[in-house]
N, C-alpha and C. Protein backbone atom coordinates (compact mmCIF):
# COMPACT_ATOMS: atom_id res chain seq x y z
N MET A 1 -18.99 -9.60 47.21
CA MET A 1 -18.72 -11.14 46.72
C MET A 1 -19.27 -10.62 45.55
N TYR A 2 -18.58 -10.95 44.56
CA TYR A 2 -18.63 -11.61 42.95
C TYR A 2 -20.30 -12.47 42.68
N ARG A 3 -21.14 -11.87 41.44
CA ARG A 3 -21.85 -12.46 40.94
C ARG A 3 -21.64 -12.97 39.76
N ARG A 4 -21.77 -14.52 39.28
CA ARG A 4 -21.65 -14.53 37.64
C ARG A 4 -23.20 -14.20 37.54
N PRO A 5 -23.29 -13.06 36.14
CA PRO A 5 -24.69 -12.51 35.79
C PRO A 5 -25.38 -13.82 35.30
N GLU A 6 -26.56 -14.06 35.34
CA GLU A 6 -27.35 -14.92 34.66
C GLU A 6 -27.72 -14.69 33.10
N LYS A 7 -27.42 -15.65 32.23
CA LYS A 7 -27.76 -15.85 31.22
C LYS A 7 -29.28 -15.59 30.52
N THR A 8 -29.39 -14.57 29.61
CA THR A 8 -31.15 -14.40 29.23
C THR A 8 -31.16 -15.16 28.80
N ASN A 9 -32.65 -15.82 28.97
CA ASN A 9 -33.32 -16.61 28.40
C ASN A 9 -33.65 -15.60 26.97
N LEU A 10 -33.75 -16.33 25.79
CA LEU A 10 -33.88 -15.65 24.73
C LEU A 10 -35.39 -15.86 24.42
N ASN A 11 -36.02 -17.12 25.21
CA ASN A 11 -37.53 -17.32 25.10
C ASN A 11 -37.90 -16.50 25.62
N THR A 12 -38.10 -15.60 26.61
CA THR A 12 -38.50 -14.71 27.12
C THR A 12 -38.73 -13.24 26.63
N LEU A 13 -37.78 -13.15 25.87
CA LEU A 13 -37.52 -11.39 25.66
C LEU A 13 -38.92 -11.32 24.46
N PRO A 14 -39.22 -9.99 24.78
CA PRO A 14 -40.59 -9.33 24.20
C PRO A 14 -39.51 -9.85 22.92
N LEU A 15 -41.47 -10.13 21.57
CA LEU A 15 -40.97 -9.80 20.11
C LEU A 15 -40.79 -9.01 19.47
N TRP A 16 -40.69 -7.85 19.53
CA TRP A 16 -40.06 -6.88 19.32
C TRP A 16 -38.76 -6.40 19.34
N HIS A 17 -37.92 -7.33 20.55
CA HIS A 17 -36.85 -7.24 20.74
C HIS A 17 -36.11 -8.68 19.97
N ALA A 18 -36.89 -9.54 19.96
CA ALA A 18 -36.41 -10.97 18.62
C ALA A 18 -36.25 -10.93 17.39
N LEU A 19 -37.16 -9.31 16.82
CA LEU A 19 -36.96 -9.25 15.62
C LEU A 19 -36.27 -8.02 15.01
N LEU A 20 -36.00 -7.18 16.06
CA LEU A 20 -34.99 -5.95 15.90
C LEU A 20 -33.88 -6.48 16.38
N ARG A 21 -33.21 -7.34 17.05
CA ARG A 21 -32.02 -7.61 17.33
C ARG A 21 -31.16 -8.10 16.28
N PRO A 22 -31.71 -8.74 14.92
CA PRO A 22 -30.81 -9.36 13.82
C PRO A 22 -30.79 -7.58 12.74
N ILE A 23 -31.51 -6.89 13.01
CA ILE A 23 -31.31 -5.98 12.11
C ILE A 23 -30.42 -5.35 13.00
N LEU A 24 -30.03 -4.94 14.02
CA LEU A 24 -29.11 -4.12 14.86
C LEU A 24 -27.48 -4.60 14.49
N MET A 25 -27.53 -6.17 14.29
CA MET A 25 -26.18 -6.42 13.65
C MET A 25 -25.71 -6.55 12.98
N ILE A 26 -26.83 -5.49 11.76
CA ILE A 26 -26.16 -5.85 10.40
C ILE A 26 -25.07 -5.18 10.14
N PRO A 27 -25.10 -3.51 10.73
CA PRO A 27 -23.92 -2.99 10.18
C PRO A 27 -22.63 -3.60 11.27
N ALA A 28 -22.57 -3.93 12.63
CA ALA A 28 -21.58 -4.86 12.85
C ALA A 28 -20.93 -6.17 12.04
N LEU A 29 -22.22 -6.54 11.04
CA LEU A 29 -21.71 -7.65 10.70
C LEU A 29 -20.60 -6.98 8.66
N MET A 30 -21.70 -6.35 8.54
CA MET A 30 -20.54 -5.76 7.43
C MET A 30 -19.46 -4.87 7.81
N ILE A 31 -19.12 -5.10 8.99
CA ILE A 31 -17.93 -3.99 9.23
C ILE A 31 -17.28 -5.55 9.34
N THR A 32 -17.52 -6.67 10.19
CA THR A 32 -16.49 -7.69 9.78
C THR A 32 -16.46 -8.03 8.76
N LEU A 33 -17.15 -8.33 7.62
CA LEU A 33 -16.91 -8.64 6.63
C LEU A 33 -15.71 -7.95 5.83
N ALA A 34 -16.09 -6.60 5.80
CA ALA A 34 -15.26 -5.82 5.31
C ALA A 34 -13.77 -5.64 5.82
N LEU A 35 -13.76 -5.79 6.87
CA LEU A 35 -12.27 -5.73 7.61
C LEU A 35 -11.58 -6.99 6.73
N PRO A 36 -11.80 -8.12 6.82
CA PRO A 36 -10.45 -8.92 6.06
C PRO A 36 -9.87 -8.59 5.32
N GLY A 37 -10.83 -8.42 4.10
CA GLY A 37 -10.31 -7.78 2.49
C GLY A 37 -9.92 -6.89 2.81
N ALA A 38 -9.90 -5.76 3.28
CA ALA A 38 -9.06 -4.54 3.79
C ALA A 38 -7.83 -4.92 4.64
N VAL A 39 -7.76 -6.36 5.59
CA VAL A 39 -6.69 -6.38 5.96
C VAL A 39 -5.78 -7.24 4.85
N LYS A 40 -6.08 -7.89 4.20
CA LYS A 40 -5.35 -8.75 3.27
C LYS A 40 -5.10 -7.83 2.11
N ALA A 41 -5.08 -7.24 1.57
CA ALA A 41 -4.59 -6.11 0.63
C ALA A 41 -3.79 -5.24 1.33
N GLU A 42 -3.69 -4.94 2.87
CA GLU A 42 -2.46 -4.20 3.39
C GLU A 42 -1.59 -4.82 3.33
N ASN A 43 -1.91 -5.99 3.86
CA ASN A 43 -0.80 -7.24 4.24
C ASN A 43 0.10 -7.25 2.60
N ALA A 44 -0.96 -7.75 1.07
CA ALA A 44 -0.36 -7.79 0.29
C ALA A 44 0.36 -6.83 0.11
N LEU A 45 -0.04 -5.67 -0.22
CA LEU A 45 0.65 -4.44 -0.55
C LEU A 45 1.93 -4.41 0.45
N GLU A 46 2.27 -4.47 1.79
CA GLU A 46 3.32 -4.04 2.20
C GLU A 46 4.29 -5.26 1.97
N LYS A 47 3.91 -6.46 1.65
CA LYS A 47 4.97 -7.75 1.03
C LYS A 47 5.31 -7.06 0.13
N ILE A 48 4.82 -6.37 -1.59
CA ILE A 48 5.49 -6.20 -2.09
C ILE A 48 6.22 -5.35 -2.06
N GLU A 49 6.28 -4.55 -1.21
CA GLU A 49 6.82 -3.25 -1.07
C GLU A 49 8.45 -3.18 -0.31
N GLN A 50 7.91 -4.47 0.74
CA GLN A 50 9.33 -5.00 1.24
C GLN A 50 10.03 -5.68 0.33
N THR A 51 9.74 -6.45 -0.84
CA THR A 51 10.59 -7.00 -1.24
C THR A 51 11.28 -6.33 -2.16
N LEU A 52 10.34 -5.65 -2.93
CA LEU A 52 11.15 -4.41 -3.35
C LEU A 52 12.25 -3.47 -2.87
N ILE A 53 11.86 -3.12 -1.66
CA ILE A 53 13.01 -2.00 -0.76
C ILE A 53 14.29 -3.68 -0.68
N ALA A 54 14.19 -4.72 -0.30
CA ALA A 54 15.52 -5.92 0.18
C ALA A 54 15.94 -5.93 -1.26
N ASP A 55 15.36 -6.21 -2.53
CA ASP A 55 15.81 -6.21 -3.76
C ASP A 55 16.87 -5.37 -5.07
N HIS A 56 16.07 -4.44 -4.75
CA HIS A 56 16.36 -3.07 -5.76
C HIS A 56 17.60 -1.98 -4.74
N ASP A 57 18.46 -1.72 -5.25
CA ASP A 57 18.72 -0.67 -4.45
C ASP A 57 18.88 0.64 -5.57
N ILE A 58 17.36 0.68 -4.62
CA ILE A 58 17.44 2.31 -5.39
C ILE A 58 16.53 3.20 -4.09
N GLN A 59 16.45 4.04 -4.33
CA GLN A 59 15.61 4.95 -2.92
C GLN A 59 14.14 4.97 -3.26
N GLN A 60 13.11 4.56 -2.03
CA GLN A 60 12.37 4.45 -1.62
C GLN A 60 11.97 5.38 -1.37
N ILE A 61 10.55 6.68 -1.46
CA ILE A 61 10.26 7.56 -0.85
C ILE A 61 8.95 7.48 -0.51
N SER A 62 8.40 7.74 0.65
CA SER A 62 6.93 7.38 1.05
C SER A 62 6.30 8.66 0.41
N ASN A 63 4.92 8.24 0.36
CA ASN A 63 4.03 9.28 -0.33
C ASN A 63 3.91 10.56 0.22
N ARG A 64 3.73 10.53 1.89
CA ARG A 64 3.99 11.50 2.70
C ARG A 64 4.54 12.24 2.48
N VAL A 65 5.97 12.11 1.81
CA VAL A 65 7.29 13.23 1.10
C VAL A 65 6.17 13.69 0.05
N VAL A 66 6.27 13.13 -0.74
CA VAL A 66 6.04 13.16 -2.22
C VAL A 66 4.37 14.24 -1.85
N LEU A 67 3.61 13.99 -1.24
CA LEU A 67 2.29 14.86 -0.84
C LEU A 67 2.69 16.03 -0.25
N ASP A 68 2.89 16.15 0.75
CA ASP A 68 4.23 17.26 1.62
C ASP A 68 5.06 18.10 -0.02
N ASP A 69 5.25 17.32 -0.92
CA ASP A 69 6.18 18.55 -1.82
C ASP A 69 4.69 18.97 -2.13
N LEU A 70 4.15 18.20 -2.69
CA LEU A 70 3.02 18.94 -3.58
C LEU A 70 2.63 19.93 -3.52
N THR A 71 2.62 20.27 -2.20
CA THR A 71 1.10 20.84 -0.67
C THR A 71 2.84 21.92 -1.05
N ALA A 72 3.35 22.26 -1.01
CA ALA A 72 4.82 23.16 -0.71
C ALA A 72 4.55 24.32 -1.49
N GLY A 73 5.21 25.26 -1.12
CA GLY A 73 4.77 26.43 -2.05
C GLY A 73 6.13 26.04 -3.83
N SER A 74 7.13 25.59 -3.26
CA SER A 74 7.73 25.37 -4.42
C SER A 74 8.44 24.09 -4.30
N SER A 75 8.20 23.04 -5.55
CA SER A 75 8.15 21.98 -5.10
C SER A 75 10.22 21.30 -5.52
N THR A 76 10.32 20.24 -4.83
CA THR A 76 12.08 19.37 -5.12
C THR A 76 11.61 18.43 -6.14
N LEU A 77 10.58 17.96 -6.70
CA LEU A 77 10.31 16.50 -7.16
C LEU A 77 9.68 16.61 -8.75
N VAL A 78 9.94 16.10 -9.30
CA VAL A 78 9.08 15.69 -10.71
C VAL A 78 8.89 14.25 -10.48
N LEU A 79 6.79 14.12 -10.39
CA LEU A 79 7.11 12.89 -10.53
C LEU A 79 6.84 12.50 -11.70
N PHE A 80 7.08 11.40 -12.19
CA PHE A 80 6.59 10.24 -13.46
C PHE A 80 5.85 9.46 -13.38
N ASP A 81 4.86 9.59 -14.28
CA ASP A 81 3.92 8.27 -14.03
C ASP A 81 4.36 6.90 -14.96
N THR A 82 5.09 5.76 -14.85
CA THR A 82 5.08 5.09 -15.34
C THR A 82 4.12 4.14 -15.65
N ARG A 83 2.97 3.75 -15.69
CA ARG A 83 1.89 3.30 -16.12
C ARG A 83 1.73 3.47 -17.95
N GLY A 84 0.65 2.66 -18.01
CA GLY A 84 0.10 3.49 -19.51
C GLY A 84 -0.53 4.12 -19.22
N ALA A 85 -1.38 4.16 -20.27
CA ALA A 85 -1.80 5.37 -21.46
C ALA A 85 -3.70 5.06 -20.68
N GLU A 86 -4.09 4.20 -20.74
CA GLU A 86 -5.35 4.10 -20.08
C GLU A 86 -5.63 4.32 -18.88
N GLU A 87 -4.59 3.53 -17.97
CA GLU A 87 -4.06 3.77 -16.39
C GLU A 87 -4.20 5.27 -16.31
N PHE A 88 -3.33 5.82 -16.59
CA PHE A 88 -3.05 6.92 -16.20
C PHE A 88 -4.29 8.20 -16.47
N ALA A 89 -4.98 7.67 -18.01
CA ALA A 89 -6.07 8.58 -17.95
C ALA A 89 -7.39 8.51 -16.89
N VAL A 90 -7.70 7.53 -15.91
CA VAL A 90 -8.06 7.22 -15.03
C VAL A 90 -7.79 8.38 -13.90
N SER A 91 -6.71 7.88 -13.64
CA SER A 91 -6.36 9.27 -12.71
C SER A 91 -4.87 8.71 -12.52
N HIS A 92 -4.60 10.05 -11.74
CA HIS A 92 -3.28 10.01 -11.64
C HIS A 92 -2.70 11.18 -10.76
N LEU A 93 -1.18 11.37 -9.87
CA LEU A 93 -1.04 12.24 -9.05
C LEU A 93 -0.45 13.37 -9.80
N THR A 94 -1.16 14.91 -9.13
CA THR A 94 -1.44 16.02 -9.53
C THR A 94 0.34 16.34 -9.88
N GLY A 95 -0.01 17.04 -11.14
CA GLY A 95 1.71 17.41 -12.02
C GLY A 95 2.46 16.36 -13.07
N ALA A 96 1.63 14.66 -12.76
CA ALA A 96 2.63 13.54 -13.29
C ALA A 96 2.65 14.22 -14.47
N ILE A 97 3.68 13.54 -14.78
CA ILE A 97 4.26 13.11 -16.41
C ILE A 97 4.12 11.60 -16.71
N ARG A 98 3.18 11.25 -17.60
CA ARG A 98 3.04 9.94 -17.91
C ARG A 98 4.12 9.80 -18.60
N LEU A 99 4.96 8.29 -18.28
CA LEU A 99 6.58 8.08 -19.34
C LEU A 99 6.23 6.95 -19.47
N ASP A 100 6.66 6.16 -20.64
CA ASP A 100 5.84 5.23 -21.18
C ASP A 100 7.46 4.31 -20.24
N PRO A 101 6.67 3.00 -19.55
CA PRO A 101 7.98 2.15 -18.83
C PRO A 101 8.34 1.64 -19.60
N GLU A 102 8.52 1.50 -21.22
CA GLU A 102 9.97 1.25 -22.39
C GLU A 102 11.08 2.08 -22.74
N THR A 103 10.55 3.27 -21.79
CA THR A 103 11.77 4.14 -22.24
C THR A 103 12.68 4.07 -21.92
N THR A 104 14.26 4.10 -22.88
CA THR A 104 15.16 4.34 -22.49
C THR A 104 15.68 5.38 -21.88
N ALA A 105 16.79 5.07 -20.74
CA ALA A 105 17.63 6.33 -20.10
C ALA A 105 18.08 7.62 -21.30
N GLU A 106 18.58 6.95 -22.44
CA GLU A 106 18.70 7.50 -23.54
C GLU A 106 18.01 8.75 -23.70
N ALA A 107 16.38 8.13 -23.59
CA ALA A 107 15.73 9.29 -24.61
C ALA A 107 14.98 9.82 -22.88
N PHE A 108 15.24 9.67 -21.97
CA PHE A 108 14.68 10.20 -20.86
C PHE A 108 15.45 11.56 -20.46
N PHE A 109 16.91 11.19 -20.71
CA PHE A 109 17.58 12.52 -20.30
C PHE A 109 17.63 13.59 -21.37
N ALA A 110 17.34 12.93 -22.77
CA ALA A 110 17.44 13.59 -24.05
C ALA A 110 16.18 14.57 -23.37
N ALA A 111 15.23 14.15 -22.61
CA ALA A 111 13.88 14.74 -22.34
C ALA A 111 13.54 15.50 -21.52
N TYR A 112 14.29 15.60 -20.51
CA TYR A 112 14.22 15.64 -18.91
C TYR A 112 15.01 16.38 -18.13
N ALA A 113 16.27 15.68 -18.97
CA ALA A 113 17.41 16.53 -17.68
C ALA A 113 17.99 17.53 -17.52
N PRO A 114 17.32 18.59 -18.49
CA PRO A 114 17.60 20.03 -17.99
C PRO A 114 16.51 20.47 -16.85
N LEU A 115 15.44 19.56 -16.85
CA LEU A 115 14.31 19.81 -15.98
C LEU A 115 15.19 18.94 -14.63
N LEU A 116 16.17 17.79 -14.34
CA LEU A 116 16.42 17.97 -13.75
C LEU A 116 17.61 18.34 -12.68
N LYS A 117 17.95 19.09 -13.36
CA LYS A 117 19.48 20.15 -12.92
C LYS A 117 18.98 20.65 -11.56
N THR A 118 18.24 20.60 -11.11
CA THR A 118 17.92 21.25 -9.75
C THR A 118 16.68 20.54 -9.28
N LYS A 119 15.75 19.18 -9.38
CA LYS A 119 15.00 18.63 -8.91
C LYS A 119 15.34 17.32 -9.46
N GLN A 120 14.55 16.40 -8.28
CA GLN A 120 14.86 15.15 -8.34
C GLN A 120 13.76 14.30 -8.74
N ALA A 121 13.78 13.32 -9.70
CA ALA A 121 13.03 12.82 -9.96
C ALA A 121 12.36 11.40 -9.36
N VAL A 122 11.24 11.06 -9.39
CA VAL A 122 10.56 9.91 -8.69
C VAL A 122 9.40 9.74 -9.49
N PHE A 123 9.60 8.29 -9.32
CA PHE A 123 8.55 7.01 -11.00
C PHE A 123 7.49 6.55 -9.37
N TYR A 124 6.59 6.39 -10.16
CA TYR A 124 5.02 5.49 -9.46
C TYR A 124 4.92 4.74 -10.57
N CYS A 125 3.71 3.27 -10.13
CA CYS A 125 2.99 3.26 -10.89
C CYS A 125 1.83 2.28 -10.06
N SER A 126 1.63 1.39 -10.11
CA SER A 126 0.51 0.83 -9.39
C SER A 126 1.30 0.35 -8.20
N VAL A 127 2.03 -0.45 -8.33
CA VAL A 127 2.65 -0.73 -6.74
C VAL A 127 4.21 -0.38 -7.00
N GLY A 128 4.76 -0.68 -7.72
CA GLY A 128 6.05 -0.07 -7.93
C GLY A 128 7.00 -0.77 -8.08
N ARG A 129 6.53 -1.67 -9.53
CA ARG A 129 7.23 -2.49 -9.85
C ARG A 129 7.87 -2.09 -11.56
N ARG A 130 7.07 -1.51 -12.16
CA ARG A 130 7.01 -1.07 -13.00
C ARG A 130 8.42 0.30 -13.00
N SER A 131 8.02 1.05 -11.93
CA SER A 131 8.90 2.12 -11.58
C SER A 131 9.74 1.87 -11.23
N THR A 132 10.34 0.87 -10.50
CA THR A 132 11.16 0.92 -9.81
C THR A 132 12.52 0.21 -10.76
N ALA A 133 11.54 -0.68 -11.59
CA ALA A 133 12.25 -1.36 -13.08
C ALA A 133 13.62 -0.01 -14.08
N LEU A 134 12.03 1.00 -13.72
CA LEU A 134 13.05 2.12 -14.86
C LEU A 134 13.26 2.72 -14.08
N ALA A 135 13.22 3.67 -12.87
CA ALA A 135 14.24 3.92 -12.02
C ALA A 135 15.69 3.09 -11.94
N LEU A 136 15.46 2.16 -12.00
CA LEU A 136 16.98 1.63 -11.61
C LEU A 136 17.86 1.36 -13.11
N ALA A 137 17.10 1.23 -14.23
CA ALA A 137 17.66 1.76 -15.73
C ALA A 137 18.37 3.36 -16.15
N ILE A 138 17.66 4.14 -15.86
CA ILE A 138 18.11 5.45 -15.48
C ILE A 138 19.37 5.51 -14.70
N ALA A 139 19.28 5.41 -13.44
CA ALA A 139 20.04 5.29 -12.32
C ALA A 139 21.11 4.71 -13.06
N ARG A 140 21.54 3.76 -13.49
CA ARG A 140 22.78 3.22 -14.03
C ARG A 140 23.28 3.89 -14.93
N GLN A 141 22.58 4.65 -15.57
CA GLN A 141 23.59 5.51 -17.13
C GLN A 141 23.76 6.81 -16.11
N ILE A 142 23.34 7.13 -15.36
CA ILE A 142 23.74 8.14 -14.93
C ILE A 142 24.97 8.90 -14.92
N ARG A 143 25.35 9.68 -16.15
CA ARG A 143 27.10 9.57 -16.03
C ARG A 143 27.44 11.05 -16.35
N PRO A 144 28.50 11.96 -16.99
CA PRO A 144 28.48 13.36 -16.88
C PRO A 144 28.13 12.87 -19.03
N PRO A 145 27.82 13.25 -19.26
CA PRO A 145 27.21 14.77 -18.90
C PRO A 145 25.69 14.87 -18.51
N ASN A 146 25.22 14.02 -17.79
CA ASN A 146 24.20 13.73 -17.11
C ASN A 146 24.31 14.55 -15.36
N PRO A 147 24.81 15.23 -14.74
CA PRO A 147 24.55 15.76 -13.48
C PRO A 147 23.12 15.72 -12.95
N ILE A 148 22.35 14.50 -12.95
CA ILE A 148 21.03 14.76 -11.75
C ILE A 148 21.05 14.28 -11.14
N LYS A 149 20.05 13.98 -9.97
CA LYS A 149 19.92 13.51 -9.20
C LYS A 149 19.67 12.09 -9.46
N PRO A 150 19.85 10.91 -8.67
CA PRO A 150 19.59 9.64 -8.54
C PRO A 150 18.16 9.62 -9.19
N PRO A 151 17.14 8.61 -9.96
CA PRO A 151 15.98 9.26 -9.49
C PRO A 151 15.55 7.97 -8.09
N ALA A 152 14.29 8.05 -7.58
CA ALA A 152 14.00 7.30 -6.60
C ALA A 152 12.19 6.89 -7.08
N ASN A 153 11.73 5.90 -6.09
CA ASN A 153 10.08 5.04 -6.19
C ASN A 153 9.55 5.50 -5.36
N MET A 154 8.23 6.22 -5.57
CA MET A 154 7.20 5.82 -4.61
C MET A 154 6.87 4.48 -3.96
N ILE A 155 7.27 4.29 -2.78
CA ILE A 155 7.00 3.07 -2.26
C ILE A 155 5.71 3.15 -2.17
N GLY A 156 4.80 2.20 -2.57
CA GLY A 156 3.35 1.54 -2.51
C GLY A 156 2.64 1.75 -3.77
N GLY A 157 3.42 3.03 -4.57
CA GLY A 157 2.59 3.19 -5.83
C GLY A 157 1.50 3.95 -5.43
N ILE A 158 0.39 4.54 -7.12
CA ILE A 158 -0.46 4.97 -6.96
C ILE A 158 -1.77 3.64 -5.94
N PHE A 159 -1.64 2.55 -5.82
CA PHE A 159 -2.52 1.66 -4.76
C PHE A 159 -2.41 2.48 -3.74
N ARG A 160 -0.93 2.96 -3.28
CA ARG A 160 -1.25 2.94 -1.75
C ARG A 160 -1.71 4.40 -1.45
N TRP A 161 -1.10 5.07 -2.05
CA TRP A 161 -1.86 6.40 -2.62
C TRP A 161 -3.39 6.32 -2.19
N HIS A 162 -3.75 5.33 -3.45
CA HIS A 162 -5.47 5.73 -3.39
C HIS A 162 -6.03 4.92 -1.92
N ASN A 163 -5.14 4.08 -1.71
CA ASN A 163 -5.41 3.04 -0.16
C ASN A 163 -5.59 4.68 0.88
N GLU A 164 -4.72 5.38 0.90
CA GLU A 164 -4.92 6.39 2.19
C GLU A 164 -5.98 7.46 1.62
N SER A 165 -6.34 7.06 0.34
CA SER A 165 -7.47 8.58 0.11
C SER A 165 -6.73 9.64 -0.24
N LYS A 166 -5.28 10.02 -0.67
CA LYS A 166 -5.03 11.35 -0.85
C LYS A 166 -5.10 11.64 -2.04
N PRO A 167 -5.04 12.63 -2.68
CA PRO A 167 -6.02 13.56 -3.99
C PRO A 167 -5.29 12.39 -5.06
N LEU A 168 -6.50 12.54 -6.06
CA LEU A 168 -6.02 11.82 -7.49
C LEU A 168 -6.44 13.02 -8.43
N VAL A 169 -6.11 13.33 -9.70
CA VAL A 169 -7.01 13.80 -10.61
C VAL A 169 -7.07 12.92 -11.79
N ASN A 170 -7.86 13.84 -12.85
CA ASN A 170 -7.42 13.54 -14.75
C ASN A 170 -8.00 14.39 -15.15
N ALA A 171 -8.53 14.51 -16.29
CA ALA A 171 -8.56 15.38 -17.28
C ALA A 171 -9.83 16.35 -16.74
N ASN A 172 -10.59 15.67 -16.32
CA ASN A 172 -11.42 15.94 -15.87
C ASN A 172 -11.43 16.93 -14.32
N GLY A 173 -10.82 16.78 -13.80
CA GLY A 173 -10.65 17.58 -12.02
C GLY A 173 -10.08 16.46 -11.12
N THR A 174 -10.45 16.37 -9.98
CA THR A 174 -10.00 15.59 -9.21
C THR A 174 -11.36 13.89 -9.08
N THR A 175 -10.84 13.31 -8.99
CA THR A 175 -11.10 12.18 -8.91
C THR A 175 -10.90 11.04 -7.87
N ASP A 176 -12.12 10.45 -7.42
CA ASP A 176 -11.41 9.08 -6.03
C ASP A 176 -11.33 8.09 -6.75
N LYS A 177 -11.39 7.73 -8.23
CA LYS A 177 -11.29 6.50 -8.93
C LYS A 177 -9.70 6.36 -9.81
N VAL A 178 -9.41 4.71 -9.37
CA VAL A 178 -7.78 4.47 -9.54
C VAL A 178 -7.89 3.36 -10.81
N HIS A 179 -7.29 3.18 -11.53
CA HIS A 179 -7.40 2.08 -12.80
C HIS A 179 -6.72 0.57 -11.53
N PRO A 180 -7.33 -0.34 -11.85
CA PRO A 180 -6.86 -1.39 -10.84
C PRO A 180 -5.90 -2.58 -11.42
N TYR A 181 -5.51 -2.14 -13.07
CA TYR A 181 -4.27 -2.69 -13.78
C TYR A 181 -5.03 -4.39 -14.30
N ASN A 182 -5.71 -4.87 -13.29
CA ASN A 182 -6.38 -6.21 -13.86
C ASN A 182 -6.86 -6.68 -12.96
N TRP A 183 -7.53 -7.96 -12.86
CA TRP A 183 -8.68 -8.23 -11.91
C TRP A 183 -7.46 -9.02 -10.85
N TYR A 184 -6.69 -9.23 -10.84
CA TYR A 184 -5.55 -10.01 -9.81
C TYR A 184 -5.03 -8.51 -9.05
N TRP A 185 -4.81 -7.63 -9.57
CA TRP A 185 -3.79 -6.59 -8.53
C TRP A 185 -5.33 -5.90 -7.46
N LYS A 186 -6.13 -5.68 -8.57
CA LYS A 186 -7.22 -5.28 -7.96
C LYS A 186 -7.37 -5.55 -6.23
N ARG A 187 -7.10 -6.43 -5.59
CA ARG A 187 -7.06 -7.44 -4.95
C ARG A 187 -6.22 -6.50 -3.40
N LEU A 188 -5.46 -5.81 -3.84
CA LEU A 188 -4.53 -4.64 -3.02
C LEU A 188 -5.45 -3.38 -3.19
N LEU A 189 -6.52 -2.92 -3.38
CA LEU A 189 -7.05 -1.87 -3.27
C LEU A 189 -8.05 -1.86 -1.90
N LYS A 190 -7.66 -1.22 -1.17
CA LYS A 190 -8.05 -1.25 -0.10
C LYS A 190 -9.69 -0.70 -0.62
N TYR A 191 -10.12 -0.07 -1.22
CA TYR A 191 -11.72 0.52 -2.05
C TYR A 191 -12.35 0.23 -3.62
N PRO A 192 -12.05 -1.13 -3.54
CA PRO A 192 -11.93 -2.18 -4.64
C PRO A 192 -13.47 -1.80 -6.22
N ASP A 193 -14.06 -0.45 -5.07
CA ASP A 193 -15.48 0.05 -5.40
C ASP A 193 -15.15 0.87 -6.48
N LYS A 194 -14.25 1.58 -5.92
CA LYS A 194 -13.38 2.51 -6.85
C LYS A 194 -12.55 2.15 -7.67
N ALA A 195 -12.73 1.14 -8.43
CA ALA A 195 -11.35 0.81 -9.63
C ALA A 195 -12.22 0.89 -11.10
N ALA A 196 -11.94 1.70 -11.96
CA ALA A 196 -12.54 1.72 -12.77
C ALA A 196 -11.19 1.19 -14.12
N ASN A 197 -11.63 1.04 -14.78
CA ASN A 197 -10.71 1.16 -16.35
C ASN A 197 -10.92 2.43 -17.37
N LYS A 198 -12.33 2.84 -17.64
CA LYS A 198 -12.11 4.15 -17.74
C LYS A 198 -12.28 5.55 -17.39
N PRO A 199 -11.97 6.83 -17.35
CA PRO A 199 -12.40 8.15 -16.39
C PRO A 199 -13.94 8.07 -16.06
């Protein structure tokens, strides 16, 4: 027959147990406090990604595809970082070319069309807004004599890449830092303590 366990009388516990119990609860409390922020960041970033996919007719590729391409023997993608120079200096994806978000389609074709005859351009920024806008502007201007593949956007941008602890570099080598863009967008970072405005 089932017997309900008796409640523990905290007044009868030894003194050492009463003193040690709050200390033992600290790690669990820290995890509990940290979790909501990480969950909120993930949910907010997912909403931005879903909106970009729904509202813009541009190919969106996952960072898994990009990482696989970076680690393959021969790359089929050319990565373009469409953030500002300060953001790029803090960290970027290996081999990425910084491209000013104000770059015109004509200037892009003049500089990179030969490179893209056999490879596809993939754009990224912090979360995907700037890169999607530029990829769209360039895709609309693709016509002979520029027979290149339509560009794609890396969904989630460098924020998702960083949130998933994928490798980043800067002029000094590998880094775990990422530029937060500003205080508002920093909330989308899973590891806000790794945000930095300088390398």
